[in-house]
Amino acid sequence: MGKSQETFNKKDVRNKKEKKRKEKEKKRLARKENEKRGSLDDMIAYVDENGMITSTPPDPTKKKDIKLEDIETSISKRKTTEKADPIRKGTVTFFNGSKGFGFIRDSETQESVFVHVNNLLGQINEGNIVSFEKVKGPKGPVAMQVKLFE
């Protein structure tokens, strides 16, 4: 088939492809031209004394000497406080002897602390005042070494 038998639509598609190819060639040549003009010095950016990005190098006369001891690289150390007494006091709010667990209400913080039968040093019942050590367990605070308060 010769070009004389091309339909209008086929001619239109061919013309659009040709136009797109020429535009792509122009862009490629423009990029190549820009590469020649650009240099490493054009791409360097500087930070001034206020922390702003500029294209001019910093003035060496404005340079400040900073002592190494003045630089803080971590959070400040907290003042050591006295450790709270690990032995706590509380009231047994719930205890199920057949299942082997219960809860103690801490008398200072009013926090509910889980207690297991393996951590008991004696027999306890609901309403008893007990002393215990509070430790962090996988699901929250756990009472260890629970015994009746005397």
C-alpha atoms as a PDB file:
ATOM      1  CA  MET A   1       0.000   0.000   0.000  1.00  0.00           C
ATOM      2  CA  GLY A   2       1.280   3.414  -0.873  1.00  0.00           C
ATOM      3  CA  LYS A   3       0.947   6.633   1.001  1.00  0.00           C
ATOM      4  CA  SER A   4      -1.823   7.714  -1.322  1.00  0.00           C
ATOM      5  CA  GLN A   5      -4.171   5.226   0.297  1.00  0.00           C
ATOM      6  CA  GLU A   6      -3.545   6.529   3.827  1.00  0.00           C
ATOM      7  CA  THR A   7      -6.622   7.708   5.659  1.00  0.00           C
ATOM      8  CA  PHE A   8      -6.854  11.035   7.453  1.00  0.00           C
ATOM      9  CA  ASN A   9      -6.615   9.302  10.823  1.00  0.00           C
ATOM     10  CA  LYS A  10      -3.431   7.452   9.867  1.00  0.00           C
ATOM     11  CA  LYS A  11      -1.856  10.688   8.604  1.00  0.00           C
ATOM     12  CA  ASP A  12      -2.837  12.454  11.832  1.00  0.00           C
ATOM     13  CA  VAL A  13      -1.283   9.724  14.002  1.00  0.00           C
ATOM     14  CA  ARG A  14       1.919   9.793  11.914  1.00  0.00           C
ATOM     15  CA  ASN A  15       2.152  13.589  12.168  1.00  0.00           C
ATOM     16  CA  LYS A  16       1.641  13.500  15.961  1.00  0.00           C
ATOM     17  CA  LYS A  17       4.382  10.887  16.372  1.00  0.00           C
ATOM     18  CA  GLU A  18       6.750  12.965  14.245  1.00  0.00           C
ATOM     19  CA  LYS A  19       5.946  16.100  16.253  1.00  0.00           C
ATOM     20  CA  LYS A  20       6.519  14.263  19.552  1.00  0.00           C
ATOM     21  CA  ARG A  21       9.851  12.895  18.291  1.00  0.00           C
ATOM     22  CA  LYS A  22      11.028  16.403  17.322  1.00  0.00           C
ATOM     23  CA  GLU A  23      10.005  17.846  20.728  1.00  0.00           C
ATOM     24  CA  LYS A  24      11.893  15.063  22.480  1.00  0.00           C
ATOM     25  CA  GLU A  25      14.988  15.807  20.382  1.00  0.00           C
ATOM     26  CA  LYS A  26      14.745  19.535  21.277  1.00  0.00           C
ATOM     27  CA  LYS A  27      14.556  18.719  25.006  1.00  0.00           C
ATOM     28  CA  ARG A  28      17.545  16.384  24.749  1.00  0.00           C
ATOM     29  CA  LEU A  29      19.615  19.085  23.008  1.00  0.00           C
ATOM     30  CA  ALA A  30      18.545  21.685  25.623  1.00  0.00           C
ATOM     31  CA  ARG A  31      19.649  19.377  28.466  1.00  0.00           C
ATOM     32  CA  LYS A  32      22.970  18.779  26.759  1.00  0.00           C
ATOM     33  CA  GLU A  33      23.457  22.545  26.410  1.00  0.00           C
ATOM     34  CA  ASN A  34      22.693  23.118  30.112  1.00  0.00           C
ATOM     35  CA  GLU A  35      25.217  20.461  31.147  1.00  0.00           C
ATOM     36  CA  LYS A  36      27.971  22.384  29.417  1.00  0.00           C
ATOM     37  CA  ARG A  37      27.107  25.605  31.259  1.00  0.00           C
ATOM     38  CA  GLY A  38      26.677  24.027  34.721  1.00  0.00           C
ATOM     39  CA  SER A  39      29.750  23.422  36.835  1.00  0.00           C
ATOM     40  CA  LEU A  40      30.462  22.119  40.310  1.00  0.00           C
ATOM     41  CA  ASP A  41      30.846  25.661  41.670  1.00  0.00           C
ATOM     42  CA  ASP A  42      27.296  26.457  40.573  1.00  0.00           C
ATOM     43  CA  MET A  43      25.961  23.491  42.523  1.00  0.00           C
ATOM     44  CA  ILE A  44      27.659  24.198  45.876  1.00  0.00           C
ATOM     45  CA  ALA A  45      25.532  25.669  48.651  1.00  0.00           C
ATOM     46  CA  TYR A  46      26.797  27.236  51.893  1.00  0.00           C
ATOM     47  CA  VAL A  47      25.233  27.678  55.312  1.00  0.00           C
ATOM     48  CA  ASP A  48      25.652  31.134  56.876  1.00  0.00           C
ATOM     49  CA  GLU A  49      25.997  31.972  60.594  1.00  0.00           C
ATOM     50  CA  ASN A  50      22.194  32.051  60.977  1.00  0.00           C
ATOM     51  CA  GLY A  51      21.731  28.578  59.502  1.00  0.00           C
ATOM     52  CA  MET A  52      20.332  29.843  56.190  1.00  0.00           C
ATOM     53  CA  ILE A  53      21.417  28.264  52.882  1.00  0.00           C
ATOM     54  CA  THR A  54      23.201  30.716  50.551  1.00  0.00           C
ATOM     55  CA  SER A  55      25.227  30.593  47.350  1.00  0.00           C
ATOM     56  CA  THR A  56      28.054  32.774  48.722  1.00  0.00           C
ATOM     57  CA  PRO A  57      30.821  31.325  50.887  1.00  0.00           C
ATOM     58  CA  PRO A  58      30.871  32.349  54.568  1.00  0.00           C
ATOM     59  CA  ASP A  59      32.965  35.309  55.715  1.00  0.00           C
ATOM     60  CA  PRO A  60      35.993  33.979  57.666  1.00  0.00           C
ATOM     61  CA  THR A  61      36.098  37.153  59.806  1.00  0.00           C
ATOM     62  CA  LYS A  62      32.719  36.267  61.352  1.00  0.00           C
ATOM     63  CA  LYS A  63      33.982  32.840  62.475  1.00  0.00           C
ATOM     64  CA  LYS A  64      33.432  32.159  66.199  1.00  0.00           C
ATOM     65  CA  ASP A  65      35.557  29.869  68.362  1.00  0.00           C
ATOM     66  CA  ILE A  66      33.463  27.391  70.327  1.00  0.00           C
ATOM     67  CA  LYS A  67      34.817  25.420  73.255  1.00  0.00           C
ATOM     68  CA  LEU A  68      34.367  21.679  73.062  1.00  0.00           C
ATOM     69  CA  GLU A  69      32.969  21.585  76.610  1.00  0.00           C
ATOM     70  CA  ASP A  70      30.097  23.927  75.636  1.00  0.00           C
ATOM     71  CA  ILE A  71      28.649  21.468  73.109  1.00  0.00           C
ATOM     72  CA  GLU A  72      25.869  19.280  74.493  1.00  0.00           C
ATOM     73  CA  THR A  73      25.433  16.023  72.615  1.00  0.00           C
ATOM     74  CA  SER A  74      22.847  14.329  74.809  1.00  0.00           C
ATOM     75  CA  ILE A  75      20.170  15.102  77.333  1.00  0.00           C
ATOM     76  CA  SER A  76      21.322  16.502  80.625  1.00  0.00           C
ATOM     77  CA  LYS A  77      21.756  14.059  83.466  1.00  0.00           C
ATOM     78  CA  ARG A  78      18.956  13.993  85.984  1.00  0.00           C
ATOM     79  CA  LYS A  79      19.730  14.591  89.595  1.00  0.00           C
ATOM     80  CA  THR A  80      19.902  11.362  91.508  1.00  0.00           C
ATOM     81  CA  THR A  81      16.833  11.013  93.664  1.00  0.00           C
ATOM     82  CA  GLU A  82      16.387   8.693  96.555  1.00  0.00           C
ATOM     83  CA  LYS A  83      15.002   5.341  95.536  1.00  0.00           C
ATOM     84  CA  ALA A  84      11.549   4.618  96.889  1.00  0.00           C
ATOM     85  CA  ASP A  85      11.290   1.797  99.383  1.00  0.00           C
ATOM     86  CA  PRO A  86      10.797  -1.382  97.328  1.00  0.00           C
ATOM     87  CA  ILE A  87       8.631  -2.872 100.070  1.00  0.00           C
ATOM     88  CA  ARG A  88       5.062  -1.632  99.523  1.00  0.00           C
ATOM     89  CA  LYS A  89       1.932  -1.946 101.617  1.00  0.00           C
ATOM     90  CA  GLY A  90      -1.574  -2.604 100.328  1.00  0.00           C
ATOM     91  CA  THR A  91      -4.951  -4.255 100.733  1.00  0.00           C
ATOM     92  CA  VAL A  92      -6.031  -7.460  98.977  1.00  0.00           C
ATOM     93  CA  THR A  93      -9.075  -6.417  96.906  1.00  0.00           C
ATOM     94  CA  PHE A  94      -9.619  -9.765  95.173  1.00  0.00           C
ATOM     95  CA  PHE A  95      -8.097 -13.217  95.566  1.00  0.00           C
ATOM     96  CA  ASN A  96      -9.282 -16.490  94.047  1.00  0.00           C
ATOM     97  CA  GLY A  97      -7.469 -19.345  95.793  1.00  0.00           C
ATOM     98  CA  SER A  98      -8.761 -22.025  93.409  1.00  0.00           C
ATOM     99  CA  LYS A  99      -7.429 -20.196  90.335  1.00  0.00           C
ATOM    100  CA  GLY A 100      -4.358 -18.926  92.167  1.00  0.00           C
ATOM    101  CA  PHE A 101      -4.377 -15.198  91.457  1.00  0.00           C
ATOM    102  CA  GLY A 102      -5.690 -11.906  92.768  1.00  0.00           C
ATOM    103  CA  PHE A 103      -5.144  -8.160  93.030  1.00  0.00           C
ATOM    104  CA  ILE A 104      -3.708  -5.860  95.675  1.00  0.00           C
ATOM    105  CA  ARG A 105      -4.555  -2.130  95.929  1.00  0.00           C
ATOM    106  CA  ASP A 106      -1.357  -0.182  96.748  1.00  0.00           C
ATOM    107  CA  SER A 107      -2.081   2.077  99.740  1.00  0.00           C
ATOM    108  CA  GLU A 108       0.174   4.941  98.484  1.00  0.00           C
ATOM    109  CA  THR A 109      -0.602   5.084  94.759  1.00  0.00           C
ATOM    110  CA  GLN A 110      -4.026   3.367  94.796  1.00  0.00           C
ATOM    111  CA  GLU A 111      -2.707   1.276  91.881  1.00  0.00           C
ATOM    112  CA  SER A 112      -4.018  -2.247  91.336  1.00  0.00           C
ATOM    113  CA  VAL A 113      -1.178  -4.814  91.366  1.00  0.00           C
ATOM    114  CA  PHE A 114      -1.509  -8.405  90.133  1.00  0.00           C
ATOM    115  CA  VAL A 115      -0.501 -11.198  92.534  1.00  0.00           C
ATOM    116  CA  HIS A 116       0.001 -14.893  91.727  1.00  0.00           C
ATOM    117  CA  VAL A 117      -0.084 -17.765  94.210  1.00  0.00           C
ATOM    118  CA  ASN A 118       3.582 -18.591  93.382  1.00  0.00           C
ATOM    119  CA  ASN A 119       4.624 -15.190  94.768  1.00  0.00           C
ATOM    120  CA  LEU A 120       2.958 -15.687  98.186  1.00  0.00           C
ATOM    121  CA  LEU A 121       4.990 -16.300 101.347  1.00  0.00           C
ATOM    122  CA  GLY A 122       1.872 -17.132 103.365  1.00  0.00           C
ATOM    123  CA  GLN A 123      -1.903 -17.521 103.102  1.00  0.00           C
ATOM    124  CA  ILE A 124      -3.888 -14.367 102.180  1.00  0.00           C
ATOM    125  CA  ASN A 125      -7.577 -13.532 101.845  1.00  0.00           C
ATOM    126  CA  GLU A 126      -9.609 -10.580 100.557  1.00  0.00           C
ATOM    127  CA  GLY A 127      -9.388  -7.555 102.856  1.00  0.00           C
ATOM    128  CA  ASN A 128      -6.009  -8.508 104.356  1.00  0.00           C
ATOM    129  CA  ILE A 129      -3.311  -5.842 104.625  1.00  0.00           C
ATOM    130  CA  VAL A 130      -0.125  -7.176 103.049  1.00  0.00           C
ATOM    131  CA  SER A 131       3.431  -6.071 102.295  1.00  0.00           C
ATOM    132  CA  PHE A 132       4.954  -6.820  98.898  1.00  0.00           C
ATOM    133  CA  GLU A 133       7.590  -5.839  96.374  1.00  0.00           C
ATOM    134  CA  LYS A 134       6.277  -4.326  93.146  1.00  0.00           C
ATOM    135  CA  VAL A 135       8.039  -5.345  89.906  1.00  0.00           C
ATOM    136  CA  LYS A 136       7.166  -4.755  86.282  1.00  0.00           C
ATOM    137  CA  GLY A 137       5.617  -7.774  84.627  1.00  0.00           C
ATOM    138  CA  PRO A 138       4.777  -8.431  80.948  1.00  0.00           C
ATOM    139  CA  LYS A 139       1.241  -7.021  81.326  1.00  0.00           C
ATOM    140  CA  GLY A 140       1.764  -4.523  84.154  1.00  0.00           C
ATOM    141  CA  PRO A 141       2.850  -4.360  87.799  1.00  0.00           C
ATOM    142  CA  VAL A 142       3.215  -7.672  89.651  1.00  0.00           C
ATOM    143  CA  ALA A 143       3.484  -8.220  93.406  1.00  0.00           C
ATOM    144  CA  MET A 144       6.379 -10.413  94.556  1.00  0.00           C
ATOM    145  CA  GLN A 145       7.126 -11.831  98.048  1.00  0.00           C
ATOM    146  CA  VAL A 146       3.621 -11.099  99.334  1.00  0.00           C
ATOM    147  CA  LYS A 147       3.078 -11.662 103.061  1.00  0.00           C
ATOM    148  CA  LEU A 148       0.637 -10.481 105.730  1.00  0.00           C
ATOM    149  CA  PHE A 149       1.569  -7.089 107.182  1.00  0.00           C
ATOM    150  CA  GLU A 150       2.317  -7.121 110.898  1.00  0.00           C
END
